[in-house]
Amino acid sequence: ERGMGAYDPVIDEDAADFLADTAN
C-alpha cells in the first residue's frame, strides 16, 4: 500500500544489513 511492494521486489538479507549499517 505505502511501500514498494506493488513492484514485487525482494531484498537479500546481506543487502538489508548493508543498507541498515551504511545509513548510520
PDB file of all heavy atoms in Angstrom:
ATOM      1  N   GLU A   1       0.813  -1.205   0.000  1.00  0.00           N
ATOM      2  CA  GLU A   1       0.000   0.000   0.000  1.00  0.00           C
ATOM      3  C   GLU A   1       0.854   1.265   0.000  1.00  0.00           C
ATOM      4  O   GLU A   1       0.651   2.159  -0.842  1.00  0.00           O
ATOM      5  CB  GLU A   1      -0.932   0.005   1.216  1.00  0.00           C
ATOM      6  CG  GLU A   1      -1.809   1.261   1.293  1.00  0.00           C
ATOM      7  CD  GLU A   1      -2.560   1.371   2.608  1.00  0.00           C
ATOM      8  OE1 GLU A   1      -2.513   0.437   3.425  1.00  0.00           O
ATOM      9  OE2 GLU A   1      -3.192   2.430   2.828  1.00  0.00           O
ATOM     10  N   ARG A   2       1.807   1.339   0.910  1.00  0.00           N
ATOM     11  CA  ARG A   2       2.578   2.569   1.065  1.00  0.00           C
ATOM     12  C   ARG A   2       4.044   2.404   0.684  1.00  0.00           C
ATOM     13  O   ARG A   2       4.762   3.403   0.553  1.00  0.00           O
ATOM     14  CB  ARG A   2       2.464   3.066   2.507  1.00  0.00           C
ATOM     15  CG  ARG A   2       1.045   3.510   2.864  1.00  0.00           C
ATOM     16  CD  ARG A   2       0.802   3.532   4.348  1.00  0.00           C
ATOM     17  NE  ARG A   2       1.704   4.420   5.050  1.00  0.00           N
ATOM     18  CZ  ARG A   2       1.837   4.451   6.371  1.00  0.00           C
ATOM     19  NH1 ARG A   2       1.141   3.621   7.135  1.00  0.00           N
ATOM     20  NH2 ARG A   2       2.674   5.293   6.942  1.00  0.00           N
ATOM     21  N   GLY A   3       4.488   1.157   0.545  1.00  0.00           N
ATOM     22  CA  GLY A   3       5.867   0.903   0.186  1.00  0.00           C
ATOM     23  C   GLY A   3       6.027   0.595  -1.292  1.00  0.00           C
ATOM     24  O   GLY A   3       5.258   1.066  -2.130  1.00  0.00           O
ATOM     25  N   MET A   4       7.029  -0.206  -1.600  1.00  0.00           N
ATOM     26  CA  MET A   4       7.328  -0.579  -2.982  1.00  0.00           C
ATOM     27  C   MET A   4       6.821  -1.970  -3.315  1.00  0.00           C
ATOM     28  O   MET A   4       7.170  -2.526  -4.356  1.00  0.00           O
ATOM     29  CB  MET A   4       8.846  -0.517  -3.217  1.00  0.00           C
ATOM     30  CG  MET A   4       9.503   0.795  -2.831  1.00  0.00           C
ATOM     31  SD  MET A   4       8.885   2.233  -3.742  1.00  0.00           S
ATOM     32  CE  MET A   4       9.495   1.909  -5.400  1.00  0.00           C
ATOM     33  N   GLY A   5       5.990  -2.540  -2.451  1.00  0.00           N
ATOM     34  CA  GLY A   5       5.530  -3.917  -2.612  1.00  0.00           C
ATOM     35  C   GLY A   5       4.816  -4.191  -3.916  1.00  0.00           C
ATOM     36  O   GLY A   5       4.857  -5.316  -4.430  1.00  0.00           O
ATOM     37  N   ALA A   6       4.138  -3.173  -4.467  1.00  0.00           N
ATOM     38  CA  ALA A   6       3.405  -3.358  -5.721  1.00  0.00           C
ATOM     39  C   ALA A   6       4.333  -3.709  -6.883  1.00  0.00           C
ATOM     40  O   ALA A   6       3.895  -4.286  -7.886  1.00  0.00           O
ATOM     41  CB  ALA A   6       2.603  -2.096  -6.043  1.00  0.00           C
ATOM     42  N   TYR A   7       5.620  -3.375  -6.747  1.00  0.00           N
ATOM     43  CA  TYR A   7       6.591  -3.694  -7.796  1.00  0.00           C
ATOM     44  C   TYR A   7       7.101  -5.134  -7.682  1.00  0.00           C
ATOM     45  O   TYR A   7       7.878  -5.575  -8.535  1.00  0.00           O
ATOM     46  CB  TYR A   7       7.782  -2.731  -7.736  1.00  0.00           C
ATOM     47  CG  TYR A   7       7.445  -1.307  -8.114  1.00  0.00           C
ATOM     48  CD1 TYR A   7       6.982  -0.414  -7.162  1.00  0.00           C
ATOM     49  CD2 TYR A   7       7.590  -0.865  -9.415  1.00  0.00           C
ATOM     50  CE1 TYR A   7       6.685   0.895  -7.494  1.00  0.00           C
ATOM     51  CE2 TYR A   7       7.299   0.453  -9.762  1.00  0.00           C
ATOM     52  CZ  TYR A   7       6.845   1.328  -8.799  1.00  0.00           C
ATOM     53  OH  TYR A   7       6.542   2.621  -9.147  1.00  0.00           O
ATOM     54  N   ASP A   8       6.704  -5.831  -6.631  1.00  0.00           N
ATOM     55  CA  ASP A   8       7.126  -7.208  -6.376  1.00  0.00           C
ATOM     56  C   ASP A   8       8.648  -7.336  -6.226  1.00  0.00           C
ATOM     57  O   ASP A   8       9.276  -8.180  -6.884  1.00  0.00           O
ATOM     58  CB  ASP A   8       6.625  -8.136  -7.500  1.00  0.00           C
ATOM     59  CG  ASP A   8       6.475  -9.587  -7.022  1.00  0.00           C
ATOM     60  OD1 ASP A   8       6.477  -9.802  -5.781  1.00  0.00           O
ATOM     61  OD2 ASP A   8       6.372 -10.484  -7.870  1.00  0.00           O
ATOM     62  N   PRO A   9       9.219  -6.532  -5.346  1.00  0.00           N
ATOM     63  CA  PRO A   9      10.666  -6.648  -5.117  1.00  0.00           C
ATOM     64  C   PRO A   9      10.970  -7.630  -3.982  1.00  0.00           C
ATOM     65  O   PRO A   9      10.099  -7.965  -3.175  1.00  0.00           O
ATOM     66  CB  PRO A   9      11.069  -5.237  -4.713  1.00  0.00           C
ATOM     67  CG  PRO A   9       9.869  -4.737  -3.956  1.00  0.00           C
ATOM     68  CD  PRO A   9       8.652  -5.411  -4.568  1.00  0.00           C
ATOM     69  N   VAL A  10      12.204  -8.092  -3.908  1.00  0.00           N
ATOM     70  CA  VAL A  10      12.724  -8.837  -2.763  1.00  0.00           C
ATOM     71  C   VAL A  10      14.105  -8.275  -2.453  1.00  0.00           C
ATOM     72  O   VAL A  10      14.792  -7.777  -3.350  1.00  0.00           O
ATOM     73  CB  VAL A  10      12.808 -10.353  -3.034  1.00  0.00           C
ATOM     74  CG1 VAL A  10      11.426 -10.969  -3.172  1.00  0.00           C
ATOM     75  CG2 VAL A  10      13.653 -10.640  -4.256  1.00  0.00           C
ATOM     76  N   ILE A  11      14.489  -8.346  -1.197  1.00  0.00           N
ATOM     77  CA  ILE A  11      15.797  -7.842  -0.808  1.00  0.00           C
ATOM     78  C   ILE A  11      16.553  -8.933  -0.069  1.00  0.00           C
ATOM     79  O   ILE A  11      16.018  -9.611   0.812  1.00  0.00           O
ATOM     80  CB  ILE A  11      15.689  -6.560   0.063  1.00  0.00           C
ATOM     81  CG1 ILE A  11      17.088  -5.963   0.308  1.00  0.00           C
ATOM     82  CG2 ILE A  11      14.940  -6.809   1.364  1.00  0.00           C
ATOM     83  CD1 ILE A  11      17.047  -4.549   0.857  1.00  0.00           C
ATOM     84  N   ASP A  12      17.801  -9.139  -0.477  1.00  0.00           N
ATOM     85  CA  ASP A  12      18.658 -10.105   0.209  1.00  0.00           C
ATOM     86  C   ASP A  12      18.998  -9.577   1.605  1.00  0.00           C
ATOM     87  O   ASP A  12      19.123  -8.353   1.798  1.00  0.00           O
ATOM     88  CB  ASP A  12      19.944 -10.339  -0.577  1.00  0.00           C
ATOM     89  CG  ASP A  12      19.699 -11.015  -1.927  1.00  0.00           C
ATOM     90  OD1 ASP A  12      18.556 -11.469  -2.146  1.00  0.00           O
ATOM     91  OD2 ASP A  12      20.638 -11.055  -2.748  1.00  0.00           O
ATOM     92  N   GLU A  13      19.159 -10.505   2.543  1.00  0.00           N
ATOM     93  CA  GLU A  13      19.425 -10.087   3.916  1.00  0.00           C
ATOM     94  C   GLU A  13      20.750  -9.346   4.040  1.00  0.00           C
ATOM     95  O   GLU A  13      20.868  -8.413   4.832  1.00  0.00           O
ATOM     96  CB  GLU A  13      19.393 -11.292   4.855  1.00  0.00           C
ATOM     97  CG  GLU A  13      17.964 -11.830   5.102  1.00  0.00           C
ATOM     98  CD  GLU A  13      17.016 -10.744   5.593  1.00  0.00           C
ATOM     99  OE1 GLU A  13      17.333 -10.076   6.592  1.00  0.00           O
ATOM    100  OE2 GLU A  13      15.964 -10.557   4.954  1.00  0.00           O
ATOM    101  N   ASP A  14      21.752  -9.759   3.272  1.00  0.00           N
ATOM    102  CA  ASP A  14      23.035  -9.045   3.360  1.00  0.00           C
ATOM    103  C   ASP A  14      22.915  -7.638   2.793  1.00  0.00           C
ATOM    104  O   ASP A  14      23.585  -6.709   3.256  1.00  0.00           O
ATOM    105  CB  ASP A  14      24.155  -9.824   2.673  1.00  0.00           C
ATOM    106  CG  ASP A  14      23.906 -10.096   1.195  1.00  0.00           C
ATOM    107  OD1 ASP A  14      22.763  -9.873   0.724  1.00  0.00           O
ATOM    108  OD2 ASP A  14      24.858 -10.540   0.502  1.00  0.00           O
ATOM    109  N   ALA A  15      22.026  -7.451   1.814  1.00  0.00           N
ATOM    110  CA  ALA A  15      21.790  -6.109   1.279  1.00  0.00           C
ATOM    111  C   ALA A  15      21.070  -5.242   2.297  1.00  0.00           C
ATOM    112  O   ALA A  15      21.407  -4.061   2.481  1.00  0.00           O
ATOM    113  CB  ALA A  15      20.978  -6.189  -0.009  1.00  0.00           C
ATOM    114  N   ALA A  16      20.066  -5.834   2.964  1.00  0.00           N
ATOM    115  CA  ALA A  16      19.353  -5.092   4.015  1.00  0.00           C
ATOM    116  C   ALA A  16      20.298  -4.728   5.153  1.00  0.00           C
ATOM    117  O   ALA A  16      20.247  -3.616   5.692  1.00  0.00           O
ATOM    118  CB  ALA A  16      18.179  -5.920   4.530  1.00  0.00           C
ATOM    119  N   ASP A  17      21.175  -5.668   5.525  1.00  0.00           N
ATOM    120  CA  ASP A  17      22.162  -5.398   6.574  1.00  0.00           C
ATOM    121  C   ASP A  17      23.090  -4.265   6.171  1.00  0.00           C
ATOM    122  O   ASP A  17      23.403  -3.377   6.985  1.00  0.00           O
ATOM    123  CB  ASP A  17      22.992  -6.652   6.858  1.00  0.00           C
ATOM    124  CG  ASP A  17      22.296  -7.618   7.792  1.00  0.00           C
ATOM    125  OD1 ASP A  17      21.390  -7.180   8.526  1.00  0.00           O
ATOM    126  OD2 ASP A  17      22.663  -8.810   7.804  1.00  0.00           O
ATOM    127  N   PHE A  18      23.540  -4.302   4.934  1.00  0.00           N
ATOM    128  CA  PHE A  18      24.455  -3.272   4.444  1.00  0.00           C
ATOM    129  C   PHE A  18      23.796  -1.896   4.477  1.00  0.00           C
ATOM    130  O   PHE A  18      24.383  -0.931   4.956  1.00  0.00           O
ATOM    131  CB  PHE A  18      24.913  -3.604   3.020  1.00  0.00           C
ATOM    132  CG  PHE A  18      25.709  -2.502   2.372  1.00  0.00           C
ATOM    133  CD1 PHE A  18      27.045  -2.312   2.683  1.00  0.00           C
ATOM    134  CD2 PHE A  18      25.106  -1.633   1.463  1.00  0.00           C
ATOM    135  CE1 PHE A  18      27.780  -1.276   2.099  1.00  0.00           C
ATOM    136  CE2 PHE A  18      25.830  -0.609   0.869  1.00  0.00           C
ATOM    137  CZ  PHE A  18      27.168  -0.431   1.187  1.00  0.00           C
ATOM    138  N   LEU A  19      22.563  -1.801   3.969  1.00  0.00           N
ATOM    139  CA  LEU A  19      21.869  -0.525   3.946  1.00  0.00           C
ATOM    140  C   LEU A  19      21.611  -0.017   5.364  1.00  0.00           C
ATOM    141  O   LEU A  19      21.780   1.166   5.652  1.00  0.00           O
ATOM    142  CB  LEU A  19      20.546  -0.643   3.189  1.00  0.00           C
ATOM    143  CG  LEU A  19      20.635  -0.798   1.671  1.00  0.00           C
ATOM    144  CD1 LEU A  19      19.244  -0.981   1.081  1.00  0.00           C
ATOM    145  CD2 LEU A  19      21.320   0.402   1.034  1.00  0.00           C
ATOM    146  N   ALA A  20      21.211  -0.916   6.254  1.00  0.00           N
ATOM    147  CA  ALA A  20      20.927  -0.525   7.633  1.00  0.00           C
ATOM    148  C   ALA A  20      22.174  -0.006   8.331  1.00  0.00           C
ATOM    149  O   ALA A  20      22.129   0.952   9.103  1.00  0.00           O
ATOM    150  CB  ALA A  20      20.339  -1.705   8.402  1.00  0.00           C
ATOM    151  N   ASP A  21      23.303  -0.643   8.044  1.00  0.00           N
ATOM    152  CA  ASP A  21      24.557  -0.225   8.653  1.00  0.00           C
ATOM    153  C   ASP A  21      25.079   1.064   8.032  1.00  0.00           C
ATOM    154  O   ASP A  21      25.502   1.995   8.725  1.00  0.00           O
ATOM    155  CB  ASP A  21      25.603  -1.332   8.499  1.00  0.00           C
ATOM    156  CG  ASP A  21      26.946  -0.944   9.100  1.00  0.00           C
ATOM    157  OD1 ASP A  21      26.985  -0.642  10.307  1.00  0.00           O
ATOM    158  OD2 ASP A  21      27.942  -0.921   8.365  1.00  0.00           O
ATOM    159  N   THR A  22      25.023   1.127   6.714  1.00  0.00           N
ATOM    160  CA  THR A  22      25.583   2.258   5.997  1.00  0.00           C
ATOM    161  C   THR A  22      24.779   3.541   6.212  1.00  0.00           C
ATOM    162  O   THR A  22      25.323   4.636   6.198  1.00  0.00           O
ATOM    163  CB  THR A  22      25.669   1.948   4.491  1.00  0.00           C
ATOM    164  OG1 THR A  22      26.407   0.745   4.301  1.00  0.00           O
ATOM    165  CG2 THR A  22      26.347   3.077   3.729  1.00  0.00           C
ATOM    166  N   ALA A  23      23.489   3.410   6.442  1.00  0.00           N
ATOM    167  CA  ALA A  23      22.649   4.583   6.670  1.00  0.00           C
ATOM    168  C   ALA A  23      23.048   5.350   7.912  1.00  0.00           C
ATOM    169  O   ALA A  23      22.741   6.543   8.047  1.00  0.00           O
ATOM    170  CB  ALA A  23      21.188   4.167   6.771  1.00  0.00           C
ATOM    171  N   ASN A  24      23.729   4.652   8.845  1.00  0.00           N
ATOM    172  CA  ASN A  24      24.280   5.329  10.022  1.00  0.00           C
ATOM    173  C   ASN A  24      23.212   6.066  10.834  1.00  0.00           C
ATOM    174  O   ASN A  24      23.409   7.185  11.281  1.00  0.00           O
ATOM    175  CB  ASN A  24      25.376   6.306   9.595  1.00  0.00           C
ATOM    176  CG  ASN A  24      26.680   6.079  10.334  1.00  0.00           C
ATOM    177  OD1 ASN A  24      26.821   5.111  11.069  1.00  0.00           O
ATOM    178  ND2 ASN A  24      27.631   6.954  10.136  1.00  0.00           N
TER     179      ASN A  24
END
